[in-house]
Amino acid sequence: MITARIQIENGQILDTYEGHGMIYMSADNRMEAPIKKRDTTSYAEEAGEHVDPRTVQDAFDYKVKFLIEAPNKNLQNANAKIAAFNKQLYTQAKDSDIRTYKTITLYDDYKRVKIVGIPEPIAEPTELYRRQNGSAMDCVVVELTIHVSDPTLCDFNLSV
């Protein structure tokens, strides 16, 4: 099984399967952060343009696909695993609807990258297999999106 690990805020670094019940399937093929568009200036009386060769890394989204399998029973199903994972991603004050999302670090051991950013909650599976009578396990394919606002925190040459 391909390994990936997740750290939520300053918590423990956990294997995605052992810690959250999510089997790593695939992720973006990103080896470097994108760069911001270079500044250019052009004049009507000159052909072409003048380009400032300086630029910096830009924000980006990193997507990871996981398979979640669970017994198809009342309190043990894929929905419960997703809800438990999502609840770890934020804090919410009592009597408030405001959620403050935590920073997570994904260690993608297969792609050898460390991605640091703010996660989107897992809200919609890309695939769902469930038997109504509970005779087979739930199998759900989900996508975790991490918004990287500061690419300097990432490592695109992670040594495992």
N, C-alpha and C. Protein backbone atom coordinates (compact mmCIF):
# COMPACT_ATOMS: atom_id res chain seq x y z
N MET A 1 0.85 -1.17 0.00
CA MET A 1 0.00 0.00 0.00
C MET A 1 0.90 1.24 0.00
N ILE A 2 0.54 2.22 -0.81
CA ILE A 2 1.28 3.47 -0.87
C ILE A 2 1.00 4.26 0.41
N THR A 3 2.04 4.84 0.99
CA THR A 3 1.84 5.56 2.24
C THR A 3 1.82 7.06 2.02
N ALA A 4 1.01 7.69 2.81
CA ALA A 4 0.96 9.14 2.91
C ALA A 4 0.64 9.43 4.37
N ARG A 5 1.12 10.56 4.83
CA ARG A 5 0.89 10.91 6.24
C ARG A 5 0.32 12.33 6.31
N ILE A 6 -0.46 12.57 7.36
CA ILE A 6 -1.07 13.88 7.56
C ILE A 6 -0.81 14.34 8.99
N GLN A 7 -0.44 15.62 9.11
CA GLN A 7 -0.32 16.26 10.42
C GLN A 7 -1.31 17.42 10.43
N ILE A 8 -2.18 17.46 11.43
CA ILE A 8 -3.14 18.54 11.57
C ILE A 8 -2.63 19.49 12.63
N GLU A 9 -2.40 20.76 12.22
CA GLU A 9 -1.78 21.79 13.07
C GLU A 9 -0.47 21.24 13.62
N ASN A 10 -0.33 21.23 14.94
CA ASN A 10 0.89 20.74 15.57
C ASN A 10 0.70 19.35 16.16
N GLY A 11 -0.33 18.65 15.68
CA GLY A 11 -0.62 17.32 16.19
C GLY A 11 0.36 16.27 15.70
N GLN A 12 0.05 15.05 16.01
CA GLN A 12 0.90 13.92 15.65
C GLN A 12 0.81 13.67 14.14
N ILE A 13 1.91 13.24 13.54
CA ILE A 13 1.92 12.86 12.13
C ILE A 13 1.40 11.43 12.05
N LEU A 14 0.26 11.26 11.38
CA LEU A 14 -0.38 9.95 11.30
C LEU A 14 -0.44 9.44 9.87
N ASP A 15 -0.24 8.15 9.71
CA ASP A 15 -0.45 7.49 8.43
C ASP A 15 -1.92 7.67 8.07
N THR A 16 -2.21 7.98 6.81
CA THR A 16 -3.60 8.27 6.43
C THR A 16 -4.51 7.06 6.62
N TYR A 17 -3.98 5.86 6.44
CA TYR A 17 -4.82 4.67 6.63
C TYR A 17 -4.96 4.32 8.11
N GLU A 18 -3.84 4.23 8.80
CA GLU A 18 -3.90 3.84 10.22
C GLU A 18 -4.57 4.90 11.08
N GLY A 19 -4.34 6.18 10.78
CA GLY A 19 -4.88 7.25 11.61
C GLY A 19 -6.27 7.71 11.23
N HIS A 20 -6.63 7.60 9.94
CA HIS A 20 -7.90 8.16 9.49
C HIS A 20 -8.73 7.20 8.65
N GLY A 21 -8.22 6.00 8.37
CA GLY A 21 -8.96 5.03 7.59
C GLY A 21 -9.07 5.38 6.11
N MET A 22 -8.11 6.17 5.60
CA MET A 22 -8.15 6.59 4.20
C MET A 22 -6.97 5.97 3.45
N ILE A 23 -7.27 5.27 2.37
CA ILE A 23 -6.25 4.62 1.55
C ILE A 23 -5.85 5.56 0.42
N TYR A 24 -4.57 5.90 0.35
CA TYR A 24 -4.05 6.79 -0.69
C TYR A 24 -4.19 6.13 -2.05
N MET A 25 -4.79 6.86 -2.99
CA MET A 25 -4.92 6.34 -4.35
C MET A 25 -4.03 7.12 -5.33
N SER A 26 -4.13 8.43 -5.31
CA SER A 26 -3.35 9.24 -6.23
C SER A 26 -3.35 10.70 -5.77
N ALA A 27 -2.49 11.50 -6.38
CA ALA A 27 -2.42 12.92 -6.06
C ALA A 27 -1.90 13.68 -7.27
N ASP A 28 -1.97 14.99 -7.17
CA ASP A 28 -1.45 15.83 -8.25
C ASP A 28 0.01 15.52 -8.51
N ASN A 29 0.44 15.73 -9.73
CA ASN A 29 1.84 15.52 -10.12
C ASN A 29 2.57 16.85 -10.09
N ARG A 30 2.72 17.41 -8.91
CA ARG A 30 3.34 18.72 -8.78
C ARG A 30 4.75 18.55 -8.21
N MET A 31 5.75 19.07 -8.94
CA MET A 31 7.14 19.02 -8.52
C MET A 31 7.69 20.39 -8.15
N GLU A 32 6.87 21.42 -8.30
CA GLU A 32 7.27 22.79 -8.00
C GLU A 32 5.99 23.63 -7.93
N ALA A 33 6.03 24.68 -7.14
CA ALA A 33 4.90 25.60 -7.08
C ALA A 33 4.85 26.40 -8.38
N PRO A 34 3.65 26.78 -8.80
CA PRO A 34 3.59 27.64 -9.99
C PRO A 34 4.16 29.02 -9.66
N ILE A 35 4.44 29.78 -10.69
CA ILE A 35 4.96 31.13 -10.46
C ILE A 35 3.89 32.15 -10.85
N LYS A 36 3.99 33.31 -10.20
CA LYS A 36 3.08 34.40 -10.53
C LYS A 36 3.42 34.92 -11.93
N LYS A 37 2.43 35.46 -12.58
CA LYS A 37 2.63 36.01 -13.92
C LYS A 37 3.65 37.15 -13.85
N ARG A 38 4.57 37.14 -14.79
CA ARG A 38 5.59 38.20 -14.83
C ARG A 38 4.96 39.50 -15.30
N ASP A 39 5.46 40.61 -14.76
CA ASP A 39 5.00 41.93 -15.18
C ASP A 39 5.55 42.24 -16.56
N THR A 40 4.70 42.82 -17.39
CA THR A 40 5.13 43.23 -18.72
C THR A 40 4.65 44.65 -18.99
N THR A 41 5.36 45.32 -19.86
CA THR A 41 4.98 46.65 -20.31
C THR A 41 5.11 46.68 -21.82
N SER A 42 4.12 47.26 -22.47
CA SER A 42 4.22 47.38 -23.92
C SER A 42 3.83 48.80 -24.32
N TYR A 43 4.41 49.22 -25.43
CA TYR A 43 4.17 50.57 -25.94
C TYR A 43 3.70 50.47 -27.38
N ALA A 44 2.82 51.37 -27.76
CA ALA A 44 2.24 51.36 -29.11
C ALA A 44 3.30 51.53 -30.19
N GLU A 45 4.33 52.29 -29.91
CA GLU A 45 5.35 52.56 -30.93
C GLU A 45 6.48 51.52 -30.97
N GLU A 46 6.41 50.46 -30.10
CA GLU A 46 7.44 49.42 -30.08
C GLU A 46 6.82 48.05 -30.35
N ALA A 47 7.54 47.25 -31.09
CA ALA A 47 7.10 45.86 -31.31
C ALA A 47 7.34 45.06 -30.03
N GLY A 48 6.50 44.11 -29.76
CA GLY A 48 6.69 43.22 -28.62
C GLY A 48 6.40 43.88 -27.29
N GLU A 49 7.12 43.45 -26.27
CA GLU A 49 6.90 43.94 -24.91
C GLU A 49 8.19 43.87 -24.11
N HIS A 50 8.20 44.56 -23.00
CA HIS A 50 9.30 44.50 -22.04
C HIS A 50 8.84 43.61 -20.89
N VAL A 51 9.67 42.60 -20.55
CA VAL A 51 9.29 41.63 -19.52
C VAL A 51 10.23 41.76 -18.34
N ASP A 52 9.65 41.85 -17.15
CA ASP A 52 10.44 41.82 -15.92
C ASP A 52 10.69 40.35 -15.61
N PRO A 53 11.93 39.88 -15.64
CA PRO A 53 12.18 38.45 -15.45
C PRO A 53 12.00 37.97 -14.01
N ARG A 54 11.80 38.89 -13.08
CA ARG A 54 11.63 38.49 -11.67
C ARG A 54 10.20 38.04 -11.42
N THR A 55 10.07 37.04 -10.57
CA THR A 55 8.75 36.56 -10.16
C THR A 55 8.91 35.76 -8.86
N VAL A 56 7.81 35.36 -8.28
CA VAL A 56 7.82 34.56 -7.06
C VAL A 56 6.84 33.40 -7.22
N GLN A 57 6.89 32.47 -6.30
CA GLN A 57 5.97 31.34 -6.34
C GLN A 57 4.55 31.83 -6.04
N ASP A 58 3.58 31.14 -6.61
CA ASP A 58 2.18 31.52 -6.46
C ASP A 58 1.44 30.46 -5.64
N ALA A 59 0.30 30.85 -5.12
CA ALA A 59 -0.58 29.93 -4.38
C ALA A 59 -1.14 28.89 -5.36
N PHE A 60 -1.52 27.72 -4.82
CA PHE A 60 -2.09 26.67 -5.66
C PHE A 60 -2.89 25.71 -4.81
N ASP A 61 -3.67 24.86 -5.46
CA ASP A 61 -4.41 23.80 -4.79
C ASP A 61 -3.74 22.47 -5.10
N TYR A 62 -3.67 21.61 -4.09
CA TYR A 62 -3.10 20.27 -4.25
C TYR A 62 -4.22 19.29 -3.90
N LYS A 63 -4.50 18.36 -4.81
CA LYS A 63 -5.60 17.42 -4.61
C LYS A 63 -5.07 16.01 -4.44
N VAL A 64 -5.64 15.33 -3.45
CA VAL A 64 -5.27 13.94 -3.14
C VAL A 64 -6.53 13.11 -3.16
N LYS A 65 -6.47 11.96 -3.81
CA LYS A 65 -7.62 11.06 -3.89
C LYS A 65 -7.41 9.89 -2.93
N PHE A 66 -8.44 9.62 -2.11
CA PHE A 66 -8.40 8.53 -1.14
C PHE A 66 -9.59 7.61 -1.33
N LEU A 67 -9.39 6.35 -0.94
CA LEU A 67 -10.48 5.38 -0.87
C LEU A 67 -10.77 5.16 0.60
N ILE A 68 -12.04 5.23 0.95
CA ILE A 68 -12.46 4.95 2.32
C ILE A 68 -13.38 3.75 2.26
N GLU A 69 -13.03 2.74 3.05
CA GLU A 69 -13.90 1.58 3.15
C GLU A 69 -14.27 1.40 4.61
N ALA A 70 -15.52 1.00 4.83
CA ALA A 70 -16.01 0.86 6.20
C ALA A 70 -17.16 -0.13 6.21
N PRO A 71 -17.39 -0.76 7.38
CA PRO A 71 -18.58 -1.61 7.48
C PRO A 71 -19.82 -0.75 7.23
N ASN A 72 -20.80 -1.31 6.58
CA ASN A 72 -22.02 -0.57 6.27
C ASN A 72 -23.03 -0.81 7.39
N LYS A 73 -22.76 -0.21 8.55
CA LYS A 73 -23.65 -0.34 9.71
C LYS A 73 -23.98 1.05 10.21
N ASN A 74 -24.90 1.14 11.13
CA ASN A 74 -25.41 2.45 11.57
C ASN A 74 -24.32 3.44 11.94
N LEU A 75 -23.44 3.10 12.87
CA LEU A 75 -22.44 4.05 13.33
C LEU A 75 -21.07 3.81 12.73
N GLN A 76 -20.93 2.77 11.94
CA GLN A 76 -19.66 2.45 11.29
C GLN A 76 -19.87 2.42 9.79
N ASN A 77 -19.74 3.57 9.16
CA ASN A 77 -19.90 3.65 7.71
C ASN A 77 -18.96 4.73 7.19
N ALA A 78 -18.89 4.86 5.90
CA ALA A 78 -17.99 5.85 5.30
C ALA A 78 -18.37 7.27 5.71
N ASN A 79 -19.65 7.55 5.83
CA ASN A 79 -20.09 8.88 6.26
C ASN A 79 -19.51 9.24 7.62
N ALA A 80 -19.51 8.29 8.54
CA ALA A 80 -18.99 8.53 9.89
C ALA A 80 -17.48 8.80 9.85
N LYS A 81 -16.75 8.05 9.03
CA LYS A 81 -15.30 8.27 8.92
C LYS A 81 -15.00 9.65 8.34
N ILE A 82 -15.74 10.05 7.32
CA ILE A 82 -15.54 11.36 6.70
C ILE A 82 -15.88 12.46 7.70
N ALA A 83 -16.98 12.31 8.41
CA ALA A 83 -17.39 13.33 9.39
C ALA A 83 -16.35 13.46 10.50
N ALA A 84 -15.81 12.34 10.97
CA ALA A 84 -14.79 12.38 12.02
C ALA A 84 -13.52 13.07 11.53
N PHE A 85 -13.12 12.80 10.29
CA PHE A 85 -11.93 13.46 9.74
C PHE A 85 -12.17 14.96 9.57
N ASN A 86 -13.30 15.31 8.97
CA ASN A 86 -13.62 16.72 8.74
C ASN A 86 -13.65 17.51 10.05
N LYS A 87 -14.17 16.92 11.11
CA LYS A 87 -14.28 17.60 12.41
C LYS A 87 -12.90 17.95 12.98
N GLN A 88 -11.88 17.17 12.64
CA GLN A 88 -10.52 17.44 13.11
C GLN A 88 -9.88 18.63 12.40
N LEU A 89 -10.45 19.02 11.26
CA LEU A 89 -9.84 20.06 10.42
C LEU A 89 -10.11 21.49 10.88
N TYR A 90 -11.02 21.68 11.84
CA TYR A 90 -11.38 23.03 12.24
C TYR A 90 -11.74 23.09 13.72
N THR A 91 -11.79 24.32 14.22
CA THR A 91 -12.34 24.58 15.55
C THR A 91 -13.57 25.45 15.36
N GLN A 92 -14.49 25.31 16.29
CA GLN A 92 -15.73 26.08 16.21
C GLN A 92 -16.15 26.42 17.62
N ALA A 93 -16.30 27.71 17.89
CA ALA A 93 -16.70 28.16 19.22
C ALA A 93 -18.15 27.77 19.48
N LYS A 94 -18.46 27.56 20.76
CA LYS A 94 -19.84 27.27 21.15
C LYS A 94 -20.75 28.41 20.73
N ASP A 95 -21.93 28.09 20.34
CA ASP A 95 -22.94 29.08 19.95
C ASP A 95 -22.48 29.93 18.77
N SER A 96 -21.67 29.37 17.89
CA SER A 96 -21.21 30.10 16.71
C SER A 96 -21.18 29.15 15.52
N ASP A 97 -21.45 29.70 14.37
CA ASP A 97 -21.37 28.90 13.14
C ASP A 97 -20.03 29.06 12.44
N ILE A 98 -19.16 29.91 13.00
CA ILE A 98 -17.88 30.20 12.35
C ILE A 98 -16.88 29.09 12.63
N ARG A 99 -16.33 28.57 11.57
CA ARG A 99 -15.29 27.54 11.66
C ARG A 99 -13.95 28.17 11.33
N THR A 100 -12.95 27.85 12.14
CA THR A 100 -11.59 28.29 11.86
C THR A 100 -10.80 27.04 11.47
N TYR A 101 -10.42 26.99 10.21
CA TYR A 101 -9.72 25.80 9.71
C TYR A 101 -8.25 25.82 10.10
N LYS A 102 -7.75 24.64 10.41
CA LYS A 102 -6.37 24.46 10.83
C LYS A 102 -5.48 24.23 9.61
N THR A 103 -4.21 24.51 9.78
CA THR A 103 -3.24 24.20 8.74
C THR A 103 -2.91 22.71 8.82
N ILE A 104 -2.84 22.06 7.67
CA ILE A 104 -2.43 20.65 7.67
C ILE A 104 -1.18 20.50 6.82
N THR A 105 -0.43 19.45 7.14
CA THR A 105 0.76 19.10 6.37
C THR A 105 0.55 17.69 5.84
N LEU A 106 0.61 17.56 4.53
CA LEU A 106 0.52 16.25 3.89
C LEU A 106 1.91 15.83 3.47
N TYR A 107 2.33 14.66 3.92
CA TYR A 107 3.60 14.07 3.51
C TYR A 107 3.24 12.99 2.48
N ASP A 108 3.36 13.32 1.22
CA ASP A 108 3.06 12.39 0.15
C ASP A 108 4.34 11.60 -0.14
N ASP A 109 4.48 10.47 0.53
CA ASP A 109 5.71 9.68 0.44
C ASP A 109 5.94 9.13 -0.97
N TYR A 110 4.88 8.84 -1.69
CA TYR A 110 5.01 8.31 -3.04
C TYR A 110 5.53 9.37 -4.00
N LYS A 111 4.97 10.57 -3.95
CA LYS A 111 5.40 11.65 -4.84
C LYS A 111 6.59 12.41 -4.28
N ARG A 112 6.95 12.13 -3.03
CA ARG A 112 8.09 12.77 -2.34
C ARG A 112 7.93 14.29 -2.23
N VAL A 113 6.73 14.69 -1.78
CA VAL A 113 6.47 16.11 -1.55
C VAL A 113 5.81 16.30 -0.19
N LYS A 114 6.08 17.46 0.38
CA LYS A 114 5.40 17.89 1.62
C LYS A 114 4.58 19.11 1.24
N ILE A 115 3.29 19.04 1.48
CA ILE A 115 2.37 20.11 1.11
C ILE A 115 1.76 20.67 2.39
N VAL A 116 1.84 22.00 2.54
CA VAL A 116 1.32 22.67 3.74
C VAL A 116 0.27 23.68 3.31
N GLY A 117 -0.91 23.58 3.89
CA GLY A 117 -1.97 24.52 3.54
C GLY A 117 -3.23 24.32 4.35
N ILE A 118 -4.27 25.00 3.91
CA ILE A 118 -5.58 24.94 4.56
C ILE A 118 -6.46 23.97 3.77
N PRO A 119 -7.03 22.96 4.42
CA PRO A 119 -7.84 21.96 3.71
C PRO A 119 -9.27 22.43 3.47
N GLU A 120 -9.85 21.89 2.43
CA GLU A 120 -11.29 22.00 2.22
C GLU A 120 -11.90 20.75 2.86
N PRO A 121 -13.05 20.84 3.51
CA PRO A 121 -13.64 19.62 4.06
C PRO A 121 -14.05 18.68 2.93
N ILE A 122 -14.00 17.40 3.21
CA ILE A 122 -14.45 16.41 2.23
C ILE A 122 -15.98 16.46 2.25
N ALA A 123 -16.57 16.88 1.14
CA ALA A 123 -18.01 17.09 1.12
C ALA A 123 -18.74 16.19 0.12
N GLU A 124 -18.08 15.84 -0.96
CA GLU A 124 -18.73 15.09 -2.02
C GLU A 124 -17.83 13.98 -2.52
N PRO A 125 -18.25 12.72 -2.39
CA PRO A 125 -17.41 11.66 -2.94
C PRO A 125 -17.45 11.69 -4.47
N THR A 126 -16.36 11.26 -5.09
CA THR A 126 -16.36 11.17 -6.55
C THR A 126 -16.98 9.84 -6.98
N GLU A 127 -16.92 8.84 -6.10
CA GLU A 127 -17.55 7.55 -6.36
C GLU A 127 -18.07 7.00 -5.03
N LEU A 128 -19.20 6.28 -5.09
CA LEU A 128 -19.79 5.71 -3.88
C LEU A 128 -20.37 4.34 -4.22
N TYR A 129 -19.97 3.34 -3.44
CA TYR A 129 -20.56 2.01 -3.57
C TYR A 129 -21.09 1.61 -2.21
N ARG A 130 -22.39 1.37 -2.15
CA ARG A 130 -23.01 0.99 -0.88
C ARG A 130 -24.18 0.06 -1.18
N ARG A 131 -24.30 -1.01 -0.41
CA ARG A 131 -25.45 -1.90 -0.51
C ARG A 131 -26.46 -1.49 0.56
N GLN A 132 -27.68 -1.34 0.16
CA GLN A 132 -28.74 -0.91 1.07
C GLN A 132 -28.90 -1.85 2.27
N ASN A 133 -28.75 -3.15 2.03
CA ASN A 133 -28.98 -4.13 3.11
C ASN A 133 -27.77 -4.33 4.02
N GLY A 134 -26.68 -3.66 3.77
CA GLY A 134 -25.51 -3.77 4.64
C GLY A 134 -24.70 -5.04 4.44
N SER A 135 -24.95 -5.77 3.35
CA SER A 135 -24.25 -7.04 3.14
C SER A 135 -22.82 -6.86 2.63
N ALA A 136 -22.47 -5.66 2.20
CA ALA A 136 -21.12 -5.39 1.70
C ALA A 136 -20.61 -4.09 2.33
N MET A 137 -19.29 -3.94 2.34
CA MET A 137 -18.70 -2.75 2.94
C MET A 137 -18.98 -1.52 2.08
N ASP A 138 -19.02 -0.35 2.75
CA ASP A 138 -19.05 0.93 2.04
C ASP A 138 -17.70 1.13 1.37
N CYS A 139 -17.69 1.59 0.15
CA CYS A 139 -16.46 1.98 -0.53
C CYS A 139 -16.72 3.34 -1.15
N VAL A 140 -15.94 4.32 -0.74
CA VAL A 140 -16.15 5.69 -1.18
C VAL A 140 -14.80 6.27 -1.64
N VAL A 141 -14.78 6.88 -2.80
CA VAL A 141 -13.60 7.59 -3.28
C VAL A 141 -13.85 9.07 -3.05
N VAL A 142 -12.90 9.72 -2.34
CA VAL A 142 -13.04 11.13 -2.01
C VAL A 142 -11.78 11.88 -2.44
N GLU A 143 -11.92 13.19 -2.52
CA GLU A 143 -10.79 14.03 -2.89
C GLU A 143 -10.59 15.07 -1.80
N LEU A 144 -9.37 15.14 -1.28
CA LEU A 144 -9.00 16.15 -0.30
C LEU A 144 -8.25 17.24 -1.04
N THR A 145 -8.74 18.48 -0.92
CA THR A 145 -8.09 19.62 -1.56
C THR A 145 -7.41 20.45 -0.49
N ILE A 146 -6.12 20.71 -0.68
CA ILE A 146 -5.35 21.55 0.23
C ILE A 146 -4.98 22.82 -0.51
N HIS A 147 -5.43 23.96 0.01
CA HIS A 147 -5.08 25.25 -0.61
C HIS A 147 -3.77 25.73 0.00
N VAL A 148 -2.76 25.84 -0.83
CA VAL A 148 -1.43 26.27 -0.39
C VAL A 148 -1.32 27.77 -0.66
N SER A 149 -1.37 28.56 0.41
CA SER A 149 -1.27 30.02 0.24
C SER A 149 0.18 30.48 0.36
N ASP A 150 1.04 29.70 1.03
CA ASP A 150 2.45 30.04 1.15
C ASP A 150 3.30 28.86 0.67
N PRO A 151 3.63 28.82 -0.62
CA PRO A 151 4.37 27.68 -1.16
C PRO A 151 5.77 27.51 -0.59
N THR A 152 6.31 28.53 0.09
CA THR A 152 7.65 28.39 0.66
C THR A 152 7.67 27.39 1.82
N LEU A 153 6.50 27.05 2.35
CA LEU A 153 6.42 26.06 3.43
C LEU A 153 6.45 24.63 2.91
N CYS A 154 6.27 24.46 1.61
CA CYS A 154 6.24 23.12 1.01
C CYS A 154 7.65 22.64 0.68
N ASP A 155 7.79 21.35 0.53
CA ASP A 155 9.07 20.74 0.15
C ASP A 155 8.78 19.82 -1.03
N PHE A 156 9.32 20.14 -2.20
CA PHE A 156 9.06 19.35 -3.39
C PHE A 156 10.16 18.33 -3.68
N ASN A 157 11.01 18.09 -2.68
CA ASN A 157 12.07 17.09 -2.79
C ASN A 157 12.21 16.41 -1.42
N LEU A 158 11.12 15.85 -0.96
CA LEU A 158 11.05 15.26 0.37
C LEU A 158 11.83 13.96 0.42
N SER A 159 12.75 13.86 1.38
CA SER A 159 13.46 12.59 1.57
C SER A 159 12.69 11.78 2.60
N VAL A 160 12.41 10.55 2.23
CA VAL A 160 11.56 9.69 3.06
C VAL A 160 12.40 8.91 4.04
